[in-house]
Protein backbone atom coordinates (compact mmCIF):
# COMPACT_ATOMS: atom_id res chain seq x y z
CA MET A 1 -22.25 -77.05 -33.70
CA ASN A 2 -20.40 -75.62 -37.03
CA TYR A 3 -18.76 -79.34 -37.68
CA GLY A 4 -21.93 -81.34 -36.37
CA LEU A 5 -24.74 -79.68 -37.55
CA PRO A 6 -24.33 -80.06 -41.25
CA ILE A 7 -23.74 -83.65 -40.85
CA MET A 8 -26.65 -84.23 -38.94
CA VAL A 9 -28.49 -82.18 -41.75
CA GLY A 10 -26.79 -84.61 -44.21
CA GLY A 11 -27.80 -87.55 -42.50
CA LEU A 12 -31.31 -86.19 -42.51
CA ALA A 13 -30.99 -85.61 -46.71
CA TYR A 14 -29.43 -89.45 -46.68
CA ALA A 15 -32.64 -90.76 -44.90
CA VAL A 16 -34.93 -89.08 -47.68
CA ASN A 17 -32.65 -90.67 -50.36
CA GLU A 18 -32.90 -93.85 -48.98
CA ASN A 19 -36.86 -93.91 -47.91
CA VAL A 20 -38.70 -91.45 -50.21
CA ASP A 21 -39.11 -94.07 -53.09
CA LYS A 22 -41.09 -96.04 -51.01
CA LEU A 23 -43.51 -93.34 -50.59
CA ILE A 24 -43.76 -92.02 -54.20
CA ILE A 25 -43.74 -95.56 -56.00
CA PRO A 26 -47.11 -96.46 -54.53
CA ARG A 27 -48.44 -92.78 -55.92
CA PHE A 28 -47.84 -93.85 -59.56
CA ILE A 29 -47.86 -97.59 -59.86
CA GLY A 30 -49.91 -99.02 -56.83
CA GLU A 31 -49.20 -100.53 -53.44
CA ASP A 32 -48.90 -104.07 -54.94
CA ALA A 33 -45.83 -102.87 -57.11
CA ASN A 34 -44.33 -101.47 -53.86
CA GLY A 35 -44.69 -104.41 -51.90
CA ILE A 36 -42.76 -106.20 -54.56
CA TYR A 37 -39.73 -103.29 -54.98
CA ALA A 38 -39.55 -102.93 -50.99
CA ALA A 39 -38.89 -106.83 -50.67
CA CYS A 40 -36.51 -106.88 -53.41
CA TYR A 41 -34.51 -103.55 -52.01
CA LYS A 42 -33.98 -105.86 -48.73
CA LEU A 43 -31.89 -107.89 -50.93
CA GLY A 44 -29.33 -105.18 -51.15
CA VAL A 45 -29.00 -105.44 -47.27
CA PHE A 46 -25.86 -107.88 -48.17
CA MET A 47 -23.88 -104.22 -49.76
CA THR A 48 -25.53 -102.12 -46.91
CA LEU A 49 -23.79 -104.64 -44.38
CA TYR A 50 -20.51 -104.31 -46.31
CA ILE A 51 -20.52 -100.18 -46.34
CA THR A 52 -21.27 -100.37 -42.83
CA ALA A 53 -18.43 -102.51 -41.77
CA PHE A 54 -16.34 -100.48 -43.86
CA ARG A 55 -17.30 -97.29 -42.32
CA MET A 56 -16.83 -98.23 -38.78
CA GLY A 57 -13.34 -99.20 -39.19
CA ALA A 58 -12.08 -96.65 -42.18
CA GLU A 59 -13.25 -93.66 -40.72
CA PRO A 60 -11.38 -93.77 -37.23
CA PHE A 61 -8.51 -95.22 -39.71
CA PHE A 62 -8.56 -91.87 -41.63
CA PHE A 63 -8.79 -89.79 -38.81
CA ASN A 64 -5.76 -91.37 -37.17
CA HIS A 65 -3.46 -91.05 -40.09
CA ALA A 66 -4.44 -87.45 -41.27
CA GLY A 67 -1.57 -86.11 -40.03
CA THR A 68 1.23 -88.67 -41.54
CA THR A 69 3.12 -88.11 -45.05
CA ASP A 70 1.79 -90.79 -46.78
CA ALA A 71 -2.07 -90.50 -45.20
CA LYS A 72 -3.26 -89.76 -49.23
CA LYS A 73 -1.60 -92.48 -50.86
CA LYS A 74 -3.10 -94.69 -48.07
CA TYR A 75 -6.75 -93.16 -48.77
CA SER A 76 -6.12 -93.88 -52.36
CA ALA A 77 -5.05 -97.49 -51.72
CA ILE A 78 -8.38 -97.75 -49.61
CA MET A 79 -10.60 -96.57 -52.28
CA THR A 80 -9.46 -98.83 -54.55
CA TRP A 81 -9.73 -101.87 -52.68
CA PHE A 82 -13.49 -100.78 -51.40
CA VAL A 83 -14.69 -100.85 -55.41
CA ILE A 84 -12.40 -104.45 -55.67
CA PHE A 85 -14.29 -105.81 -53.00
CA GLY A 86 -17.67 -103.99 -53.79
CA CYS A 87 -17.55 -105.06 -56.95
CA LEU A 88 -16.72 -108.85 -56.23
CA PHE A 89 -19.92 -108.83 -53.94
CA TYR A 90 -21.77 -107.07 -56.67
CA ILE A 91 -20.84 -109.80 -59.26
CA THR A 92 -21.33 -112.38 -57.01
CA CYS A 93 -24.80 -111.66 -55.45
CA ARG A 94 -25.93 -110.58 -59.29
CA ARG A 95 -24.89 -113.94 -60.47
CA PHE A 96 -27.16 -116.08 -58.18
CA CYS A 97 -29.92 -113.14 -56.89
CA ARG A 98 -32.60 -115.16 -58.58
CA TYR A 99 -31.93 -118.28 -56.40
CA ASP A 100 -31.30 -115.93 -53.34
CA SER A 101 -34.74 -114.09 -53.71
CA ARG A 102 -36.75 -117.27 -53.54
CA ILE A 103 -35.12 -118.29 -50.46
CA VAL A 104 -35.81 -114.87 -48.82
CA HIS A 105 -39.44 -114.65 -49.74
CA PRO A 106 -41.29 -117.40 -52.31
CA SER A 107 -43.57 -114.48 -53.88
CA ILE A 108 -40.77 -112.53 -55.36
CA ILE A 109 -40.27 -113.90 -58.88
CA LEU A 110 -37.86 -111.38 -60.07
CA PHE A 111 -37.29 -112.03 -63.64
CA GLU A 112 -40.65 -113.01 -64.45
CA ARG A 113 -41.41 -109.20 -63.41
CA SER A 114 -38.64 -108.19 -65.39
CA TYR A 115 -37.17 -106.50 -62.18
CA ASP A 116 -33.24 -107.27 -61.42
CA CYS A 117 -32.58 -106.47 -57.95
CA ALA A 118 -29.15 -106.65 -58.24
CA ASP A 119 -29.43 -102.96 -59.56
CA HIS A 120 -29.99 -102.25 -55.90
CA PHE A 121 -26.37 -103.60 -54.87
CA ALA A 122 -24.86 -101.19 -57.82
CA CYS A 123 -26.94 -98.32 -55.95
CA GLN A 124 -25.18 -99.16 -52.32
CA SER A 125 -21.97 -99.24 -54.15
CA PHE A 126 -22.06 -96.02 -55.47
CA SER A 127 -23.21 -95.06 -52.07
CA GLY A 128 -20.50 -96.79 -50.49
CA ILE A 129 -18.07 -94.70 -52.96
CA TYR A 130 -19.35 -91.27 -51.87
CA ASN A 131 -19.07 -92.24 -48.31
CA ASN A 132 -15.23 -92.85 -49.00
CA LEU A 133 -14.77 -89.66 -50.86
CA ALA A 134 -16.83 -87.73 -48.33
CA ILE A 135 -13.74 -88.12 -45.80
CA TRP A 136 -12.33 -85.24 -47.42
CA TYR A 137 -14.68 -82.38 -45.55
CA LYS A 138 -14.25 -84.37 -42.66
CA LEU A 139 -10.92 -84.05 -42.62
CA THR A 140 -10.81 -80.48 -43.44
CA ASP A 141 -13.64 -79.31 -41.30
CA LYS A 142 -15.91 -78.44 -44.48
CA THR A 143 -18.94 -80.58 -43.59
CA ARG A 144 -21.65 -77.96 -44.83
CA PHE A 145 -20.14 -79.24 -48.21
CA GLY A 146 -21.42 -82.62 -47.43
CA MET A 147 -24.75 -81.14 -46.27
CA TYR A 148 -25.32 -78.92 -49.64
CA ILE A 149 -24.36 -82.36 -51.64
CA SER A 150 -26.68 -84.36 -49.48
CA ILE A 151 -29.57 -81.74 -49.69
CA ALA A 152 -29.32 -81.95 -53.90
CA GLY A 153 -29.04 -85.37 -53.61
CA ALA A 154 -32.09 -85.48 -51.93
CA LEU A 155 -33.80 -82.88 -54.22
CA LEU A 156 -32.36 -84.74 -57.37
CA THR A 157 -33.57 -88.18 -55.93
CA ILE A 158 -37.36 -86.67 -55.71
CA VAL A 159 -37.23 -85.34 -58.83
CA SER A 160 -35.73 -88.26 -60.99
CA LEU A 161 -38.06 -90.51 -59.25
CA MET A 162 -40.94 -88.34 -60.49
CA VAL A 163 -39.39 -89.31 -64.10
CA PHE A 164 -38.35 -92.55 -63.84
CA VAL A 165 -41.19 -94.26 -61.99
CA PRO A 166 -44.05 -93.54 -64.67
CA TRP A 167 -41.89 -94.51 -67.41
CA MET A 168 -39.69 -97.59 -65.91
CA GLY A 169 -42.16 -99.04 -63.15
CA ILE A 170 -40.32 -100.03 -60.06
CA MET A 171 -37.17 -100.42 -62.04
CA GLY A 172 -37.36 -96.61 -61.98
CA GLY A 173 -37.02 -96.40 -58.24
CA ALA A 174 -33.59 -98.19 -58.13
CA ALA A 175 -32.51 -96.28 -61.59
CA ALA A 176 -33.30 -93.01 -59.75
CA THR A 177 -31.26 -93.98 -56.46
CA LEU A 178 -28.29 -95.15 -58.96
CA PHE A 179 -28.49 -91.95 -60.60
CA THR A 180 -28.55 -89.54 -57.54
CA TYR A 181 -25.62 -91.41 -55.81
CA PHE A 182 -23.37 -91.40 -58.79
CA PHE A 183 -24.24 -88.21 -59.04
CA MET A 184 -23.32 -87.34 -55.39
CA ALA A 185 -20.00 -89.21 -55.83
CA MET A 186 -18.68 -87.23 -58.78
CA ILE A 187 -19.31 -84.16 -57.27
CA SER A 188 -17.76 -85.12 -54.08
CA TRP A 189 -14.59 -86.32 -55.92
CA TYR A 190 -14.90 -82.81 -57.90
CA PHE A 191 -14.97 -80.51 -54.90
CA GLY A 192 -12.56 -82.89 -52.90
CA HIS A 193 -9.92 -82.54 -55.83
CA LYS A 194 -10.26 -78.87 -55.34
CA HIS A 195 -9.90 -78.81 -51.16
CA TYR A 196 -8.29 -81.93 -50.39
CA PRO A 197 -6.57 -83.64 -53.31
CA VAL A 198 -6.36 -87.27 -53.05
CA PRO A 199 -4.30 -89.25 -55.95
CA TYR A 200 -7.03 -91.84 -56.64
CA GLU A 201 -6.71 -94.53 -59.15
CA SER A 202 -9.48 -93.23 -61.14
CA GLY A 203 -8.52 -94.94 -64.05
CA LYS A 204 -8.40 -98.43 -62.83
CA ILE A 205 -11.51 -97.88 -60.84
CA ALA A 206 -13.46 -97.34 -63.72
CA LEU A 207 -11.96 -100.21 -65.25
CA LEU A 208 -13.05 -102.28 -62.38
CA ILE A 209 -17.06 -101.13 -62.77
CA ALA A 210 -16.78 -101.26 -66.53
CA CYS A 211 -15.55 -105.12 -66.37
CA THR A 212 -18.27 -105.73 -63.54
CA SER A 213 -20.66 -104.28 -65.54
CA LEU A 214 -19.90 -105.97 -68.72
CA LEU A 215 -19.52 -109.38 -67.10
CA SER A 216 -22.92 -108.61 -65.15
CA GLY A 217 -24.37 -107.83 -68.65
CA VAL A 218 -23.23 -111.00 -70.22
CA SER A 219 -24.41 -113.52 -67.28
CA PHE A 220 -27.95 -111.43 -67.28
CA LEU A 221 -28.65 -111.73 -71.16
CA TRP A 222 -27.29 -114.97 -72.02
CA PHE A 223 -26.44 -117.26 -68.86
CA ARG A 224 -28.98 -116.24 -66.17
CA GLY A 225 -29.44 -119.58 -64.17
CA ASP A 226 -26.32 -121.33 -65.45
CA TYR A 227 -24.26 -121.78 -62.38
CA PHE A 228 -21.50 -123.30 -64.39
CA ILE A 229 -21.05 -120.07 -66.65
CA ASN A 230 -21.67 -117.72 -63.60
CA SER A 231 -19.00 -119.17 -61.87
CA ALA A 232 -16.59 -118.94 -64.55
CA LEU A 233 -17.16 -114.79 -64.99
CA ILE A 234 -16.48 -114.82 -61.56
CA CYS A 235 -13.12 -116.46 -61.49
CA ILE A 236 -12.51 -113.94 -64.67
CA TYR A 237 -13.20 -111.11 -62.60
CA VAL A 238 -10.86 -112.78 -60.20
CA MET A 239 -8.02 -112.98 -62.70
CA ILE A 240 -8.48 -108.97 -63.72
CA ILE A 241 -8.17 -108.45 -60.17
CA TYR A 242 -4.85 -110.29 -59.68
CA TYR A 243 -3.63 -108.86 -63.13
CA LEU A 244 -3.83 -105.06 -61.94
CA GLU A 245 -2.84 -105.79 -58.43
CA LYS A 246 -0.53 -108.45 -58.92
CA THR A 247 2.36 -106.68 -57.02
CA THR A 248 0.32 -105.66 -54.06
CA ILE A 249 -1.28 -108.94 -53.50
CA LYS A 250 2.41 -110.38 -53.99
CA THR A 251 3.75 -108.06 -51.64
CA ILE A 252 0.85 -109.32 -48.92
CA PHE A 253 1.30 -112.99 -49.28
CA SER A 254 5.26 -112.13 -48.66
CA ARG A 255 4.34 -110.83 -45.78
CA THR A 256 2.15 -113.52 -44.38
CA LYS A 257 4.56 -116.36 -45.00
CA THR A 258 7.07 -113.83 -43.10
CA GLY A 259 5.22 -113.22 -40.21
């Protein structure tokens, strides 16, 4: 009960984070806007599936290797590569989000409504980073910290929705969720550094997120709908990954050839 009850409460708070926006948006800007928002939100399922698949494989790995001498080094590497692939999914989906949205539902004309559904991918990215960071309180049997962070996140979601939605419209829903998950990730990192310090490559992770944001901004502002330029921007991101992780990639390919 001491271990599981806080996780259950935290799960309920997580459900609030994921669903309260659909309850608040129609109160401020109407049911029609909420329908468009909910339809666009579903496009974030690609990132949700990625995070779910990661959690199913990663959490058992974290617990199985908790007693090894290089466990924290492994956790750090996993976080880095989680961000690498998460940013790659984000940047790829953002390139073609306009076309994918019309395939999913022809009434979703995202850009004509000044709404960028890729912000939901960013929300889910930081949600995944938080889930990765949250392993510290599970390994140290301090799950109450996860409960506190989740409750604080749920309250912050409600407050930020009430501030952002009247100001930004349906974009405020995505902005509030992104702000909340970013806050939760930073708080989890702070307490994790105190109670179970893992040498995460913070500088590299920040650089990857910055490069992804920059390339996405360039694409969105100047090259929307240009398949050639957008594909080139994805290639630039892949080259950045290779430059940062050249040694690891070469090691992986050398082992593959040897095997």
